[in-house]
Amino acid sequence: MLSLSELRQEIMRINNQVNTEHYGYGVKSQKVYFVNDEIILIMAHNKRITALEVLDKQGHSTAEVHHVLLSNFKKRLVALLDQELGIKVSFISKDYDSPTETATTVIRLHDPISTFAV
């Protein structure tokens, strides 16, 4: 069983891996918080995809593209958490705030954190 610190590091590594796979770059700064059966990730200075930024500036809607990207990201994150750490996810929510370049992910688990770490 991992320590909380080791679990935190593994979750950050997996999150960074998925970010790199989906967006072509890693996360510059991220924090992970554990609350009972939830994991909260906050990624600061998380640069926006250049193509989406250009589309937004031109007044084009990026809502559908965002939906596809976020859905695929969440599926991959859930799969890796299960495969690599044995963590079963019951719910995941992810959002990105362009003006502050901050992304958040909230993961609700089937079991409390204490099941995976000491």
Protein backbone atom coordinates (compact mmCIF):
# COMPACT_ATOMS: atom_id res chain seq x y z
CA MET A 1 0.00 0.00 0.00
CA LEU A 2 1.31 3.45 -0.90
CA SER A 3 1.73 6.34 1.51
CA LEU A 4 -0.47 9.38 0.88
CA SER A 5 2.58 11.22 -0.43
CA GLU A 6 3.41 8.39 -2.86
CA LEU A 7 -0.23 8.18 -3.99
CA ARG A 8 -0.27 11.94 -4.57
CA GLN A 9 2.90 11.66 -6.71
CA GLU A 10 1.47 8.78 -8.73
CA ILE A 11 -1.78 10.63 -9.40
CA MET A 12 0.17 13.72 -10.53
CA ARG A 13 2.34 11.56 -12.80
CA ILE A 14 -0.71 9.89 -14.38
CA ASN A 15 -2.53 13.21 -14.78
CA ASN A 16 0.54 14.72 -16.44
CA GLN A 17 0.87 11.70 -18.73
CA VAL A 18 -2.76 12.00 -19.88
CA ASN A 19 -2.35 15.76 -20.34
CA THR A 20 0.72 15.16 -22.53
CA GLU A 21 -1.05 12.45 -24.55
CA HIS A 22 -4.12 14.61 -25.21
CA TYR A 23 -2.76 18.12 -25.47
CA GLY A 24 0.88 17.65 -26.46
CA TYR A 25 2.39 19.17 -23.31
CA GLY A 26 2.57 18.44 -19.60
CA VAL A 27 1.20 20.34 -16.65
CA LYS A 28 3.47 23.08 -15.27
CA SER A 29 2.05 23.18 -11.75
CA GLN A 30 -0.42 20.86 -10.07
CA LYS A 31 -1.69 20.14 -6.58
CA VAL A 32 -3.60 17.10 -5.39
CA TYR A 33 -5.93 17.10 -2.38
CA PHE A 34 -7.60 14.10 -0.76
CA VAL A 35 -10.99 14.44 0.92
CA ASN A 36 -12.55 11.16 2.12
CA ASP A 37 -13.61 9.50 -1.16
CA GLU A 38 -12.58 12.36 -3.46
CA ILE A 39 -9.42 13.49 -5.20
CA ILE A 40 -9.20 17.14 -6.22
CA LEU A 41 -6.55 18.24 -8.72
CA ILE A 42 -5.79 21.90 -9.42
CA MET A 43 -3.47 22.69 -12.30
CA ALA A 44 -2.19 26.27 -12.56
CA HIS A 45 -0.43 27.86 -15.54
CA ASN A 46 -2.02 25.22 -17.74
CA LYS A 47 -1.68 26.79 -21.21
CA ARG A 48 -4.62 26.58 -23.55
CA ILE A 49 -4.41 24.69 -26.84
CA THR A 50 -3.30 27.30 -29.39
CA ALA A 51 -5.83 26.23 -32.03
CA LEU A 52 -8.72 26.66 -29.58
CA GLU A 53 -7.43 30.05 -28.52
CA VAL A 54 -7.36 31.17 -32.17
CA LEU A 55 -10.89 29.89 -32.79
CA ASP A 56 -12.21 31.68 -29.69
CA LYS A 57 -10.56 34.95 -30.72
CA GLN A 58 -12.21 34.65 -34.14
CA GLY A 59 -15.61 34.20 -32.48
CA HIS A 60 -16.04 30.50 -33.35
CA SER A 61 -17.63 28.15 -30.87
CA THR A 62 -15.28 25.57 -29.38
CA ALA A 63 -17.92 23.92 -27.16
CA GLU A 64 -18.16 20.69 -29.15
CA VAL A 65 -14.38 20.35 -29.42
CA HIS A 66 -14.06 20.98 -25.66
CA HIS A 67 -16.66 18.31 -24.96
CA VAL A 68 -14.82 15.71 -27.06
CA LEU A 69 -11.41 16.58 -25.58
CA LEU A 70 -12.66 16.52 -21.98
CA SER A 71 -14.61 13.28 -22.48
CA ASN A 72 -11.58 11.51 -23.94
CA PHE A 73 -9.29 12.93 -21.26
CA LYS A 74 -11.57 11.71 -18.48
CA LYS A 75 -11.91 8.22 -19.99
CA ARG A 76 -8.13 7.86 -20.25
CA LEU A 77 -7.54 9.20 -16.72
CA VAL A 78 -10.13 6.81 -15.27
CA ALA A 79 -8.58 3.88 -17.16
CA LEU A 80 -5.03 4.63 -15.97
CA LEU A 81 -6.07 5.20 -12.35
CA ASP A 82 -7.70 1.76 -12.41
CA GLN A 83 -4.93 -0.04 -14.34
CA GLU A 84 -1.96 1.43 -12.50
CA LEU A 85 -3.31 2.10 -8.99
CA GLY A 86 -6.42 -0.07 -8.73
CA ILE A 87 -8.54 3.03 -8.07
CA LYS A 88 -12.17 2.66 -9.12
CA VAL A 89 -13.76 5.96 -10.10
CA SER A 90 -17.50 6.54 -9.77
CA PHE A 91 -17.53 10.11 -11.12
CA ILE A 92 -15.11 12.59 -12.67
CA SER A 93 -15.58 16.25 -13.49
CA LYS A 94 -13.03 18.43 -15.29
CA ASP A 95 -13.11 22.11 -16.17
CA TYR A 96 -10.75 24.71 -17.57
CA ASP A 97 -10.78 28.48 -17.01
CA SER A 98 -9.03 30.20 -19.94
CA PRO A 99 -8.46 33.64 -18.40
CA THR A 100 -6.55 32.19 -15.44
CA GLU A 101 -5.15 29.13 -17.28
CA THR A 102 -6.37 26.98 -14.40
CA ALA A 103 -7.83 23.51 -14.75
CA THR A 104 -9.59 21.52 -12.04
CA THR A 105 -10.49 17.87 -11.85
CA VAL A 106 -12.70 16.35 -9.18
CA ILE A 107 -12.67 12.57 -8.92
CA ARG A 108 -15.15 10.72 -6.72
CA LEU A 109 -14.04 7.22 -5.84
CA HIS A 110 -16.01 4.06 -5.09
CA ASP A 111 -13.97 3.67 -1.89
CA PRO A 112 -12.31 6.08 0.56
CA ILE A 113 -8.71 7.14 0.01
CA SER A 114 -7.71 5.08 3.04
CA THR A 115 -8.35 1.97 0.92
CA PHE A 116 -5.40 2.91 -1.35
CA ALA A 117 -2.97 4.71 0.95
CA VAL A 118 -1.84 4.93 4.54
